[in-house]
Amino acid sequence: MSSNAEAKSSPLNFLKWALVVALVAAGVVGNQYFSDESLLYRVLGLVAIGIVAVLIALATTQGAAFATLVKQARIEIRKVVWPTRPETLQTTFIVLAVVLIAALILWGLDSLLGWIASLIIG
């Protein structure tokens, strides 16, 4: 599989990534250069440059692999059985109770050990 991915990699991918980096750099420099212009125009320009950069990045081998990963992740998220509200509340209360009990035990141990240490030290 690794050799298959290497075979698909080409200098064209490198050029696409270089163009993406150049677009992002142009957006940063342009935003600074046109700082006197309205914020709305600068934001619209940055959004347009960002969309073009993302589309170019998705046209690369790594971008296509990332898009596939996102699609598969969304499919897996749909398969998850999410807990109901009562189940979530019940679990939350159990966790809070366990944390409170653990805090009280640790506080008691700390107090006991501090008392013992003060007896030894004097």
PDB file of N, CA and C in Angstrom:
ATOM      1  N   MET A   1       0.829  -1.180   0.000  1.00  0.00           N
ATOM      2  CA  MET A   1       0.000   0.000   0.000  1.00  0.00           C
ATOM      3  C   MET A   1       0.874   1.245   0.000  1.00  0.00           C
ATOM      4  N   SER A   2       1.969   1.211   0.740  1.00  0.00           N
ATOM      5  CA  SER A   2       2.854   2.362   0.782  1.00  0.00           C
ATOM      6  C   SER A   2       3.466   2.631  -0.588  1.00  0.00           C
ATOM      7  N   SER A   3       3.842   1.548  -1.295  1.00  0.00           N
ATOM      8  CA  SER A   3       4.413   1.743  -2.621  1.00  0.00           C
ATOM      9  C   SER A   3       3.360   2.274  -3.589  1.00  0.00           C
ATOM     10  N   ASN A   4       2.095   1.883  -3.377  1.00  0.00           N
ATOM     11  CA  ASN A   4       1.006   2.389  -4.205  1.00  0.00           C
ATOM     12  C   ASN A   4       0.822   3.888  -3.989  1.00  0.00           C
ATOM     13  N   ALA A   5       0.918   4.305  -2.729  1.00  0.00           N
ATOM     14  CA  ALA A   5       0.783   5.733  -2.433  1.00  0.00           C
ATOM     15  C   ALA A   5       1.967   6.505  -2.989  1.00  0.00           C
ATOM     16  N   GLU A   6       3.141   5.899  -2.936  1.00  0.00           N
ATOM     17  CA  GLU A   6       4.316   6.573  -3.477  1.00  0.00           C
ATOM     18  C   GLU A   6       4.219   6.701  -4.997  1.00  0.00           C
ATOM     19  N   ALA A   7       3.609   5.699  -5.637  1.00  0.00           N
ATOM     20  CA  ALA A   7       3.489   5.747  -7.091  1.00  0.00           C
ATOM     21  C   ALA A   7       2.550   6.874  -7.524  1.00  0.00           C
ATOM     22  N   LYS A   8       1.536   7.167  -6.718  1.00  0.00           N
ATOM     23  CA  LYS A   8       0.597   8.223  -7.062  1.00  0.00           C
ATOM     24  C   LYS A   8       1.186   9.616  -6.818  1.00  0.00           C
ATOM     25  N   SER A   9       2.154   9.714  -5.911  1.00  0.00           N
ATOM     26  CA  SER A   9       2.766  10.996  -5.614  1.00  0.00           C
ATOM     27  C   SER A   9       3.554  11.470  -6.829  1.00  0.00           C
ATOM     28  N   SER A  10       3.375  12.721  -7.156  1.00  0.00           N
ATOM     29  CA  SER A  10       4.047  13.257  -8.334  1.00  0.00           C
ATOM     30  C   SER A  10       4.479  14.683  -8.061  1.00  0.00           C
ATOM     31  N   PRO A  11       5.308  15.219  -8.944  1.00  0.00           N
ATOM     32  CA  PRO A  11       5.703  16.625  -8.782  1.00  0.00           C
ATOM     33  C   PRO A  11       4.510  17.577  -8.849  1.00  0.00           C
ATOM     34  N   LEU A  12       3.433  17.138  -9.497  1.00  0.00           N
ATOM     35  CA  LEU A  12       2.246  17.980  -9.571  1.00  0.00           C
ATOM     36  C   LEU A  12       1.649  18.200  -8.178  1.00  0.00           C
ATOM     37  N   ASN A  13       1.700  17.157  -7.337  1.00  0.00           N
ATOM     38  CA  ASN A  13       1.234  17.324  -5.958  1.00  0.00           C
ATOM     39  C   ASN A  13       2.063  18.369  -5.234  1.00  0.00           C
ATOM     40  N   PHE A  14       3.376  18.326  -5.431  1.00  0.00           N
ATOM     41  CA  PHE A  14       4.250  19.309  -4.795  1.00  0.00           C
ATOM     42  C   PHE A  14       3.892  20.721  -5.252  1.00  0.00           C
ATOM     43  N   LEU A  15       3.616  20.874  -6.526  1.00  0.00           N
ATOM     44  CA  LEU A  15       3.238  22.194  -7.039  1.00  0.00           C
ATOM     45  C   LEU A  15       1.901  22.660  -6.455  1.00  0.00           C
ATOM     46  N   LYS A  16       0.972  21.725  -6.304  1.00  0.00           N
ATOM     47  CA  LYS A  16      -0.325  22.086  -5.718  1.00  0.00           C
ATOM     48  C   LYS A  16      -0.146  22.546  -4.270  1.00  0.00           C
ATOM     49  N   TRP A  17       0.676  21.822  -3.512  1.00  0.00           N
ATOM     50  CA  TRP A  17       0.909  22.227  -2.123  1.00  0.00           C
ATOM     51  C   TRP A  17       1.651  23.557  -2.064  1.00  0.00           C
ATOM     52  N   ALA A  18       2.577  23.771  -2.980  1.00  0.00           N
ATOM     53  CA  ALA A  18       3.282  25.054  -3.025  1.00  0.00           C
ATOM     54  C   ALA A  18       2.300  26.188  -3.331  1.00  0.00           C
ATOM     55  N   LEU A  19       1.343  25.923  -4.213  1.00  0.00           N
ATOM     56  CA  LEU A  19       0.326  26.923  -4.526  1.00  0.00           C
ATOM     57  C   LEU A  19      -0.568  27.193  -3.318  1.00  0.00           C
ATOM     58  N   VAL A  20      -0.898  26.161  -2.572  1.00  0.00           N
ATOM     59  CA  VAL A  20      -1.704  26.348  -1.354  1.00  0.00           C
ATOM     60  C   VAL A  20      -0.952  27.221  -0.357  1.00  0.00           C
ATOM     61  N   VAL A  21       0.325  26.922  -0.143  1.00  0.00           N
ATOM     62  CA  VAL A  21       1.125  27.723   0.782  1.00  0.00           C
ATOM     63  C   VAL A  21       1.228  29.160   0.275  1.00  0.00           C
ATOM     64  N   ALA A  22       1.414  29.324  -1.023  1.00  0.00           N
ATOM     65  CA  ALA A  22       1.506  30.679  -1.594  1.00  0.00           C
ATOM     66  C   ALA A  22       0.187  31.436  -1.414  1.00  0.00           C
ATOM     67  N   LEU A  23      -0.933  30.754  -1.580  1.00  0.00           N
ATOM     68  CA  LEU A  23      -2.232  31.414  -1.387  1.00  0.00           C
ATOM     69  C   LEU A  23      -2.423  31.848   0.059  1.00  0.00           C
ATOM     70  N   VAL A  24      -2.065  30.969   0.992  1.00  0.00           N
ATOM     71  CA  VAL A  24      -2.203  31.322   2.410  1.00  0.00           C
ATOM     72  C   VAL A  24      -1.287  32.495   2.741  1.00  0.00           C
ATOM     73  N   ALA A  25      -0.045  32.455   2.242  1.00  0.00           N
ATOM     74  CA  ALA A  25       0.883  33.565   2.486  1.00  0.00           C
ATOM     75  C   ALA A  25       0.359  34.856   1.859  1.00  0.00           C
ATOM     76  N   ALA A  26      -0.194  34.764   0.655  1.00  0.00           N
ATOM     77  CA  ALA A  26      -0.760  35.946   0.002  1.00  0.00           C
ATOM     78  C   ALA A  26      -1.935  36.497   0.804  1.00  0.00           C
ATOM     79  N   GLY A  27      -2.726  35.610   1.386  1.00  0.00           N
ATOM     80  CA  GLY A  27      -3.836  36.065   2.218  1.00  0.00           C
ATOM     81  C   GLY A  27      -3.361  36.809   3.447  1.00  0.00           C
ATOM     82  N   VAL A  28      -2.324  36.281   4.089  1.00  0.00           N
ATOM     83  CA  VAL A  28      -1.796  36.934   5.287  1.00  0.00           C
ATOM     84  C   VAL A  28      -1.181  38.284   4.934  1.00  0.00           C
ATOM     85  N   VAL A  29      -0.348  38.293   3.901  1.00  0.00           N
ATOM     86  CA  VAL A  29       0.311  39.543   3.497  1.00  0.00           C
ATOM     87  C   VAL A  29      -0.724  40.536   2.977  1.00  0.00           C
ATOM     88  N   GLY A  30      -1.678  40.060   2.182  1.00  0.00           N
ATOM     89  CA  GLY A  30      -2.714  40.948   1.657  1.00  0.00           C
ATOM     90  C   GLY A  30      -3.574  41.542   2.747  1.00  0.00           C
ATOM     91  N   ASN A  31      -3.879  40.766   3.763  1.00  0.00           N
ATOM     92  CA  ASN A  31      -4.671  41.282   4.876  1.00  0.00           C
ATOM     93  C   ASN A  31      -3.923  42.397   5.594  1.00  0.00           C
ATOM     94  N   GLN A  32      -2.629  42.218   5.745  1.00  0.00           N
ATOM     95  CA  GLN A  32      -1.822  43.267   6.378  1.00  0.00           C
ATOM     96  C   GLN A  32      -1.676  44.479   5.461  1.00  0.00           C
ATOM     97  N   TYR A  33      -1.459  44.231   4.183  1.00  0.00           N
ATOM     98  CA  TYR A  33      -1.239  45.315   3.222  1.00  0.00           C
ATOM     99  C   TYR A  33      -2.489  46.185   3.071  1.00  0.00           C
ATOM    100  N   PHE A  34      -3.650  45.533   3.038  1.00  0.00           N
ATOM    101  CA  PHE A  34      -4.908  46.263   2.865  1.00  0.00           C
ATOM    102  C   PHE A  34      -5.582  46.534   4.205  1.00  0.00           C
ATOM    103  N   SER A  35      -4.818  46.785   5.243  1.00  0.00           N
ATOM    104  CA  SER A  35      -5.390  46.992   6.572  1.00  0.00           C
ATOM    105  C   SER A  35      -6.265  48.244   6.640  1.00  0.00           C
ATOM    106  N   ASP A  36      -6.090  49.179   5.679  1.00  0.00           N
ATOM    107  CA  ASP A  36      -6.918  50.394   5.675  1.00  0.00           C
ATOM    108  C   ASP A  36      -8.299  50.145   5.077  1.00  0.00           C
ATOM    109  N   GLU A  37      -8.458  49.039   4.358  1.00  0.00           N
ATOM    110  CA  GLU A  37      -9.751  48.729   3.740  1.00  0.00           C
ATOM    111  C   GLU A  37     -10.732  48.229   4.803  1.00  0.00           C
ATOM    112  N   SER A  38     -11.984  48.152   4.415  1.00  0.00           N
ATOM    113  CA  SER A  38     -13.031  47.685   5.311  1.00  0.00           C
ATOM    114  C   SER A  38     -12.770  46.236   5.735  1.00  0.00           C
ATOM    115  N   LEU A  39     -13.090  45.950   6.983  1.00  0.00           N
ATOM    116  CA  LEU A  39     -12.903  44.597   7.499  1.00  0.00           C
ATOM    117  C   LEU A  39     -13.735  43.593   6.711  1.00  0.00           C
ATOM    118  N   LEU A  40     -14.911  43.979   6.280  1.00  0.00           N
ATOM    119  CA  LEU A  40     -15.773  43.094   5.508  1.00  0.00           C
ATOM    120  C   LEU A  40     -15.088  42.639   4.222  1.00  0.00           C
ATOM    121  N   TYR A  41     -14.483  43.565   3.505  1.00  0.00           N
ATOM    122  CA  TYR A  41     -13.810  43.212   2.252  1.00  0.00           C
ATOM    123  C   TYR A  41     -12.613  42.303   2.499  1.00  0.00           C
ATOM    124  N   ARG A  42     -11.876  42.579   3.563  1.00  0.00           N
ATOM    125  CA  ARG A  42     -10.717  41.734   3.865  1.00  0.00           C
ATOM    126  C   ARG A  42     -11.144  40.332   4.254  1.00  0.00           C
ATOM    127  N   VAL A  43     -12.218  40.224   5.039  1.00  0.00           N
ATOM    128  CA  VAL A  43     -12.708  38.903   5.446  1.00  0.00           C
ATOM    129  C   VAL A  43     -13.224  38.139   4.229  1.00  0.00           C
ATOM    130  N   LEU A  44     -13.977  38.810   3.373  1.00  0.00           N
ATOM    131  CA  LEU A  44     -14.472  38.144   2.163  1.00  0.00           C
ATOM    132  C   LEU A  44     -13.321  37.666   1.285  1.00  0.00           C
ATOM    133  N   GLY A  45     -12.276  38.487   1.154  1.00  0.00           N
ATOM    134  CA  GLY A  45     -11.106  38.083   0.385  1.00  0.00           C
ATOM    135  C   GLY A  45     -10.411  36.882   0.998  1.00  0.00           C
ATOM    136  N   LEU A  46     -10.266  36.884   2.331  1.00  0.00           N
ATOM    137  CA  LEU A  46      -9.621  35.751   2.999  1.00  0.00           C
ATOM    138  C   LEU A  46     -10.449  34.480   2.874  1.00  0.00           C
ATOM    139  N   VAL A  47     -11.774  34.615   2.965  1.00  0.00           N
ATOM    140  CA  VAL A  47     -12.637  33.440   2.809  1.00  0.00           C
ATOM    141  C   VAL A  47     -12.509  32.885   1.397  1.00  0.00           C
ATOM    142  N   ALA A  48     -12.505  33.761   0.395  1.00  0.00           N
ATOM    143  CA  ALA A  48     -12.372  33.304  -0.995  1.00  0.00           C
ATOM    144  C   ALA A  48     -11.025  32.622  -1.217  1.00  0.00           C
ATOM    145  N   ILE A  49      -9.958  33.206  -0.703  1.00  0.00           N
ATOM    146  CA  ILE A  49      -8.634  32.594  -0.844  1.00  0.00           C
ATOM    147  C   ILE A  49      -8.592  31.257  -0.101  1.00  0.00           C
ATOM    148  N   GLY A  50      -9.196  31.209   1.068  1.00  0.00           N
ATOM    149  CA  GLY A  50      -9.230  29.968   1.844  1.00  0.00           C
ATOM    150  C   GLY A  50      -9.974  28.863   1.120  1.00  0.00           C
ATOM    151  N   ILE A  51     -11.100  29.196   0.506  1.00  0.00           N
ATOM    152  CA  ILE A  51     -11.876  28.188  -0.236  1.00  0.00           C
ATOM    153  C   ILE A  51     -11.074  27.664  -1.408  1.00  0.00           C
ATOM    154  N   VAL A  52     -10.425  28.554  -2.134  1.00  0.00           N
ATOM    155  CA  VAL A  52      -9.601  28.128  -3.274  1.00  0.00           C
ATOM    156  C   VAL A  52      -8.457  27.252  -2.792  1.00  0.00           C
ATOM    157  N   ALA A  53      -7.810  27.638  -1.678  1.00  0.00           N
ATOM    158  CA  ALA A  53      -6.695  26.846  -1.147  1.00  0.00           C
ATOM    159  C   ALA A  53      -7.160  25.458  -0.719  1.00  0.00           C
ATOM    160  N   VAL A  54      -8.319  25.372  -0.082  1.00  0.00           N
ATOM    161  CA  VAL A  54      -8.839  24.063   0.341  1.00  0.00           C
ATOM    162  C   VAL A  54      -9.178  23.202  -0.870  1.00  0.00           C
ATOM    163  N   LEU A  55      -9.783  23.791  -1.869  1.00  0.00           N
ATOM    164  CA  LEU A  55     -10.113  23.014  -3.076  1.00  0.00           C
ATOM    165  C   LEU A  55      -8.858  22.497  -3.771  1.00  0.00           C
ATOM    166  N   ILE A  56      -7.824  23.309  -3.814  1.00  0.00           N
ATOM    167  CA  ILE A  56      -6.568  22.849  -4.416  1.00  0.00           C
ATOM    168  C   ILE A  56      -5.944  21.756  -3.553  1.00  0.00           C
ATOM    169  N   ALA A  57      -5.978  21.923  -2.221  1.00  0.00           N
ATOM    170  CA  ALA A  57      -5.407  20.916  -1.324  1.00  0.00           C
ATOM    171  C   ALA A  57      -6.155  19.590  -1.441  1.00  0.00           C
ATOM    172  N   LEU A  58      -7.471  19.657  -1.631  1.00  0.00           N
ATOM    173  CA  LEU A  58      -8.250  18.419  -1.771  1.00  0.00           C
ATOM    174  C   LEU A  58      -7.968  17.709  -3.090  1.00  0.00           C
ATOM    175  N   ALA A  59      -7.407  18.418  -4.044  1.00  0.00           N
ATOM    176  CA  ALA A  59      -7.077  17.813  -5.334  1.00  0.00           C
ATOM    177  C   ALA A  59      -5.770  17.033  -5.287  1.00  0.00           C
ATOM    178  N   THR A  60      -5.034  17.111  -4.169  1.00  0.00           N
ATOM    179  CA  THR A  60      -3.788  16.360  -4.039  1.00  0.00           C
ATOM    180  C   THR A  60      -4.092  14.950  -3.530  1.00  0.00           C
ATOM    181  N   THR A  61      -3.092  14.096  -3.555  1.00  0.00           N
ATOM    182  CA  THR A  61      -3.253  12.723  -3.062  1.00  0.00           C
ATOM    183  C   THR A  61      -3.574  12.724  -1.577  1.00  0.00           C
ATOM    184  N   GLN A  62      -2.834  13.514  -0.812  1.00  0.00           N
ATOM    185  CA  GLN A  62      -3.078  13.580   0.624  1.00  0.00           C
ATOM    186  C   GLN A  62      -4.441  14.201   0.927  1.00  0.00           C
ATOM    187  N   GLY A  63      -4.839  15.183   0.149  1.00  0.00           N
ATOM    188  CA  GLY A  63      -6.141  15.804   0.346  1.00  0.00           C
ATOM    189  C   GLY A  63      -7.284  14.849   0.066  1.00  0.00           C
ATOM    190  N   ALA A  64      -7.134  14.043  -0.989  1.00  0.00           N
ATOM    191  CA  ALA A  64      -8.167  13.043  -1.298  1.00  0.00           C
ATOM    192  C   ALA A  64      -8.243  12.002  -0.197  1.00  0.00           C
ATOM    193  N   ALA A  65      -7.086  11.597   0.343  1.00  0.00           N
ATOM    194  CA  ALA A  65      -7.082  10.626   1.439  1.00  0.00           C
ATOM    195  C   ALA A  65      -7.754  11.222   2.678  1.00  0.00           C
ATOM    196  N   PHE A  66      -7.518  12.503   2.938  1.00  0.00           N
ATOM    197  CA  PHE A  66      -8.146  13.165   4.071  1.00  0.00           C
ATOM    198  C   PHE A  66      -9.662  13.247   3.886  1.00  0.00           C
ATOM    199  N   ALA A  67     -10.099  13.568   2.676  1.00  0.00           N
ATOM    200  CA  ALA A  67     -11.543  13.646   2.397  1.00  0.00           C
ATOM    201  C   ALA A  67     -12.193  12.284   2.599  1.00  0.00           C
ATOM    202  N   THR A  68     -11.511  11.218   2.181  1.00  0.00           N
ATOM    203  CA  THR A  68     -12.030   9.863   2.383  1.00  0.00           C
ATOM    204  C   THR A  68     -12.119   9.553   3.871  1.00  0.00           C
ATOM    205  N   LEU A  69     -11.104   9.942   4.622  1.00  0.00           N
ATOM    206  CA  LEU A  69     -11.108   9.723   6.067  1.00  0.00           C
ATOM    207  C   LEU A  69     -12.286  10.434   6.728  1.00  0.00           C
ATOM    208  N   VAL A  70     -12.546  11.670   6.332  1.00  0.00           N
ATOM    209  CA  VAL A  70     -13.657  12.434   6.906  1.00  0.00           C
ATOM    210  C   VAL A  70     -14.989  11.765   6.570  1.00  0.00           C
ATOM    211  N   LYS A  71     -15.145  11.302   5.335  1.00  0.00           N
ATOM    212  CA  LYS A  71     -16.392  10.625   4.952  1.00  0.00           C
ATOM    213  C   LYS A  71     -16.599   9.360   5.763  1.00  0.00           C
ATOM    214  N   GLN A  72     -15.540   8.577   5.943  1.00  0.00           N
ATOM    215  CA  GLN A  72     -15.647   7.345   6.722  1.00  0.00           C
ATOM    216  C   GLN A  72     -15.925   7.643   8.192  1.00  0.00           C
ATOM    217  N   ALA A  73     -15.344   8.716   8.719  1.00  0.00           N
ATOM    218  CA  ALA A  73     -15.600   9.089  10.108  1.00  0.00           C
ATOM    219  C   ALA A  73     -17.054   9.491  10.303  1.00  0.00           C
ATOM    220  N   ARG A  74     -17.618  10.206   9.334  1.00  0.00           N
ATOM    221  CA  ARG A  74     -19.033  10.586   9.444  1.00  0.00           C
ATOM    222  C   ARG A  74     -19.939   9.362   9.405  1.00  0.00           C
ATOM    223  N   ILE A  75     -19.576   8.372   8.586  1.00  0.00           N
ATOM    224  CA  ILE A  75     -20.355   7.133   8.530  1.00  0.00           C
ATOM    225  C   ILE A  75     -20.296   6.428   9.885  1.00  0.00           C
ATOM    226  N   GLU A  76     -19.107   6.380  10.498  1.00  0.00           N
ATOM    227  CA  GLU A  76     -18.964   5.729  11.795  1.00  0.00           C
ATOM    228  C   GLU A  76     -19.717   6.476  12.888  1.00  0.00           C
ATOM    229  N   ILE A  77     -19.741   7.803  12.814  1.00  0.00           N
ATOM    230  CA  ILE A  77     -20.466   8.588  13.819  1.00  0.00           C
ATOM    231  C   ILE A  77     -21.959   8.281  13.754  1.00  0.00           C
ATOM    232  N   ARG A  78     -22.467   8.054  12.558  1.00  0.00           N
ATOM    233  CA  ARG A  78     -23.894   7.716  12.421  1.00  0.00           C
ATOM    234  C   ARG A  78     -24.225   6.372  13.055  1.00  0.00           C
ATOM    235  N   LYS A  79     -23.232   5.491  13.173  1.00  0.00           N
ATOM    236  CA  LYS A  79     -23.454   4.162  13.745  1.00  0.00           C
ATOM    237  C   LYS A  79     -23.454   4.174  15.271  1.00  0.00           C
ATOM    238  N   VAL A  80     -22.986   5.260  15.876  1.00  0.00           N
ATOM    239  CA  VAL A  80     -22.887   5.330  17.328  1.00  0.00           C
ATOM    240  C   VAL A  80     -24.283   5.410  17.932  1.00  0.00           C
ATOM    241  N   VAL A  81     -24.497   4.634  19.001  1.00  0.00           N
ATOM    242  CA  VAL A  81     -25.757   4.702  19.737  1.00  0.00           C
ATOM    243  C   VAL A  81     -25.524   5.656  20.910  1.00  0.00           C
ATOM    244  N   TRP A  82     -26.080   6.851  20.796  1.00  0.00           N
ATOM    245  CA  TRP A  82     -25.862   7.867  21.813  1.00  0.00           C
ATOM    246  C   TRP A  82     -26.784   7.622  22.997  1.00  0.00           C
ATOM    247  N   PRO A  83     -26.333   7.911  24.221  1.00  0.00           N
ATOM    248  CA  PRO A  83     -27.181   7.681  25.402  1.00  0.00           C
ATOM    249  C   PRO A  83     -28.328   8.695  25.447  1.00  0.00           C
ATOM    250  N   THR A  84     -29.391   8.274  26.105  1.00  0.00           N
ATOM    251  CA  THR A  84     -30.532   9.168  26.277  1.00  0.00           C
ATOM    252  C   THR A  84     -30.210  10.179  27.376  1.00  0.00           C
ATOM    253  N   ARG A  85     -31.054  11.181  27.498  1.00  0.00           N
ATOM    254  CA  ARG A  85     -30.827  12.204  28.521  1.00  0.00           C
ATOM    255  C   ARG A  85     -30.839  11.612  29.932  1.00  0.00           C
ATOM    256  N   PRO A  86     -31.808  10.744  30.269  1.00  0.00           N
ATOM    257  CA  PRO A  86     -31.772  10.167  31.626  1.00  0.00           C
ATOM    258  C   PRO A  86     -30.506   9.334  31.879  1.00  0.00           C
ATOM    259  N   GLU A  87     -30.057   8.595  30.880  1.00  0.00           N
ATOM    260  CA  GLU A  87     -28.823   7.812  31.052  1.00  0.00           C
ATOM    261  C   GLU A  87     -27.627   8.730  31.274  1.00  0.00           C
ATOM    262  N   THR A  88     -27.585   9.826  30.542  1.00  0.00           N
ATOM    263  CA  THR A  88     -26.479  10.775  30.693  1.00  0.00           C
ATOM    264  C   THR A  88     -26.496  11.412  32.080  1.00  0.00           C
ATOM    265  N   LEU A  89     -27.676  11.831  32.538  1.00  0.00           N
ATOM    266  CA  LEU A  89     -27.776  12.434  33.866  1.00  0.00           C
ATOM    267  C   LEU A  89     -27.400  11.434  34.958  1.00  0.00           C
ATOM    268  N   GLN A  90     -27.866  10.199  34.831  1.00  0.00           N
ATOM    269  CA  GLN A  90     -27.565   9.172  35.825  1.00  0.00           C
ATOM    270  C   GLN A  90     -26.058   8.915  35.892  1.00  0.00           C
ATOM    271  N   THR A  91     -25.435   8.798  34.743  1.00  0.00           N
ATOM    272  CA  THR A  91     -23.992   8.576  34.701  1.00  0.00           C
ATOM    273  C   THR A  91     -23.238   9.768  35.281  1.00  0.00           C
ATOM    274  N   THR A  92     -23.705  10.968  34.983  1.00  0.00           N
ATOM    275  CA  THR A  92     -23.060  12.175  35.517  1.00  0.00           C
ATOM    276  C   THR A  92     -23.142  12.208  37.031  1.00  0.00           C
ATOM    277  N   PHE A  93     -24.301  11.884  37.587  1.00  0.00           N
ATOM    278  CA  PHE A  93     -24.458  11.892  39.041  1.00  0.00           C
ATOM    279  C   PHE A  93     -23.602  10.820  39.693  1.00  0.00           C
ATOM    280  N   ILE A  94     -23.478   9.670  39.061  1.00  0.00           N
ATOM    281  CA  ILE A  94     -22.617   8.612  39.602  1.00  0.00           C
ATOM    282  C   ILE A  94     -21.162   9.078  39.622  1.00  0.00           C
ATOM    283  N   VAL A  95     -20.717   9.698  38.543  1.00  0.00           N
ATOM    284  CA  VAL A  95     -19.337  10.195  38.487  1.00  0.00           C
ATOM    285  C   VAL A  95     -19.113  11.263  39.557  1.00  0.00           C
ATOM    286  N   LEU A  96     -20.055  12.182  39.723  1.00  0.00           N
ATOM    287  CA  LEU A  96     -19.914  13.218  40.745  1.00  0.00           C
ATOM    288  C   LEU A  96     -19.859  12.612  42.147  1.00  0.00           C
ATOM    289  N   ALA A  97     -20.686  11.609  42.405  1.00  0.00           N
ATOM    290  CA  ALA A  97     -20.683  10.957  43.720  1.00  0.00           C
ATOM    291  C   ALA A  97     -19.347  10.259  43.983  1.00  0.00           C
ATOM    292  N   VAL A  98     -18.816   9.552  42.994  1.00  0.00           N
ATOM    293  CA  VAL A  98     -17.541   8.859  43.159  1.00  0.00           C
ATOM    294  C   VAL A  98     -16.411   9.866  43.379  1.00  0.00           C
ATOM    295  N   VAL A  99     -16.432  10.964  42.647  1.00  0.00           N
ATOM    296  CA  VAL A  99     -15.412  11.995  42.822  1.00  0.00           C
ATOM    297  C   VAL A  99     -15.509  12.606  44.220  1.00  0.00           C
ATOM    298  N   LEU A 100     -16.713  12.866  44.687  1.00  0.00           N
ATOM    299  CA  LEU A 100     -16.892  13.424  46.021  1.00  0.00           C
ATOM    300  C   LEU A 100     -16.396  12.459  47.092  1.00  0.00           C
ATOM    301  N   ILE A 101     -16.723  11.186  46.962  1.00  0.00           N
ATOM    302  CA  ILE A 101     -16.262  10.186  47.920  1.00  0.00           C
ATOM    303  C   ILE A 101     -14.742  10.074  47.902  1.00  0.00           C
ATOM    304  N   ALA A 102     -14.150  10.052  46.712  1.00  0.00           N
ATOM    305  CA  ALA A 102     -12.689   9.980  46.607  1.00  0.00           C
ATOM    306  C   ALA A 102     -12.052  11.220  47.224  1.00  0.00           C
ATOM    307  N   ALA A 103     -12.648  12.392  47.020  1.00  0.00           N
ATOM    308  CA  ALA A 103     -12.108  13.626  47.602  1.00  0.00           C
ATOM    309  C   ALA A 103     -12.172  13.576  49.121  1.00  0.00           C
ATOM    310  N   LEU A 104     -13.269  13.074  49.670  1.00  0.00           N
ATOM    311  CA  LEU A 104     -13.383  12.971  51.126  1.00  0.00           C
ATOM    312  C   LEU A 104     -12.376  11.979  51.693  1.00  0.00           C
ATOM    313  N   ILE A 105     -12.174  10.855  51.005  1.00  0.00           N
ATOM    314  CA  ILE A 105     -11.185   9.866  51.463  1.00  0.00           C
ATOM    315  C   ILE A 105      -9.790  10.474  51.433  1.00  0.00           C
ATOM    316  N   LEU A 106      -9.443  11.154  50.357  1.00  0.00           N
ATOM    317  CA  LEU A 106      -8.117  11.770  50.266  1.00  0.00           C
ATOM    318  C   LEU A 106      -7.950  12.874  51.304  1.00  0.00           C
ATOM    319  N   TRP A 107      -8.985  13.659  51.548  1.00  0.00           N
ATOM    320  CA  TRP A 107      -8.919  14.700  52.570  1.00  0.00           C
ATOM    321  C   TRP A 107      -8.705  14.078  53.947  1.00  0.00           C
ATOM    322  N   GLY A 108      -9.440  13.002  54.225  1.00  0.00           N
ATOM    323  CA  GLY A 108      -9.275  12.312  55.508  1.00  0.00           C
ATOM    324  C   GLY A 108      -7.875  11.737  55.669  1.00  0.00           C
ATOM    325  N   LEU A 109      -7.357  11.089  54.617  1.00  0.00           N
ATOM    326  CA  LEU A 109      -6.001  10.553  54.685  1.00  0.00           C
ATOM    327  C   LEU A 109      -4.977  11.658  54.867  1.00  0.00           C
ATOM    328  N   ASP A 110      -5.141  12.760  54.172  1.00  0.00           N
ATOM    329  CA  ASP A 110      -4.220  13.882  54.296  1.00  0.00           C
ATOM    330  C   ASP A 110      -4.249  14.444  55.712  1.00  0.00           C
ATOM    331  N   SER A 111      -5.432  14.592  56.265  1.00  0.00           N
ATOM    332  CA  SER A 111      -5.550  15.109  57.629  1.00  0.00           C
ATOM    333  C   SER A 111      -4.920  14.145  58.627  1.00  0.00           C
ATOM    334  N   LEU A 112      -5.186  12.852  58.462  1.00  0.00           N
ATOM    335  CA  LEU A 112      -4.629  11.847  59.359  1.00  0.00           C
ATOM    336  C   LEU A 112      -3.108  11.821  59.281  1.00  0.00           C
ATOM    337  N   LEU A 113      -2.571  11.790  58.073  1.00  0.00           N
ATOM    338  CA  LEU A 113      -1.118  11.761  57.919  1.00  0.00           C
ATOM    339  C   LEU A 113      -0.484  13.057  58.409  1.00  0.00           C
ATOM    340  N   GLY A 114      -1.134  14.182  58.201  1.00  0.00           N
ATOM    341  CA  GLY A 114      -0.628  15.447  58.733  1.00  0.00           C
ATOM    342  C   GLY A 114      -0.618  15.455  60.246  1.00  0.00           C
ATOM    343  N   TRP A 115      -1.664  14.899  60.860  1.00  0.00           N
ATOM    344  CA  TRP A 115      -1.732  14.820  62.322  1.00  0.00           C
ATOM    345  C   TRP A 115      -0.639  13.908  62.862  1.00  0.00           C
ATOM    346  N   ILE A 116      -0.433  12.752  62.184  1.00  0.00           N
ATOM    347  CA  ILE A 116       0.628  11.825  62.600  1.00  0.00           C
ATOM    348  C   ILE A 116       1.996  12.482  62.459  1.00  0.00           C
ATOM    349  N   ALA A 117       2.215  13.182  61.340  1.00  0.00           N
ATOM    350  CA  ALA A 117       3.505  13.855  61.138  1.00  0.00           C
ATOM    351  C   ALA A 117       3.739  14.933  62.195  1.00  0.00           C
ATOM    352  N   SER A 118       2.690  15.661  62.573  1.00  0.00           N
ATOM    353  CA  SER A 118       2.860  16.701  63.604  1.00  0.00           C
ATOM    354  C   SER A 118       3.153  16.082  64.956  1.00  0.00           C
ATOM    355  N   LEU A 119       2.626  14.898  65.244  1.00  0.00           N
ATOM    356  CA  LEU A 119       2.941  14.209  66.500  1.00  0.00           C
ATOM    357  C   LEU A 119       4.404  13.781  66.528  1.00  0.00           C
ATOM    358  N   ILE A 120       4.888  13.285  65.372  1.00  0.00           N
ATOM    359  CA  ILE A 120       6.274  12.816  65.300  1.00  0.00           C
ATOM    360  C   ILE A 120       7.243  13.983  65.376  1.00  0.00           C
ATOM    361  N   ILE A 121       6.943  15.055  64.622  1.00  0.00           N
ATOM    362  CA  ILE A 121       7.843  16.199  64.583  1.00  0.00           C
ATOM    363  C   ILE A 121       7.778  17.000  65.883  1.00  0.00           C
ATOM    364  N   GLY A 122       6.636  17.104  66.460  1.00  0.00           N
ATOM    365  CA  GLY A 122       6.517  17.752  67.739  1.00  0.00           C
ATOM    366  C   GLY A 122       5.841  19.035  67.643  1.00  0.00           C
TER     367      GLY A 122
END
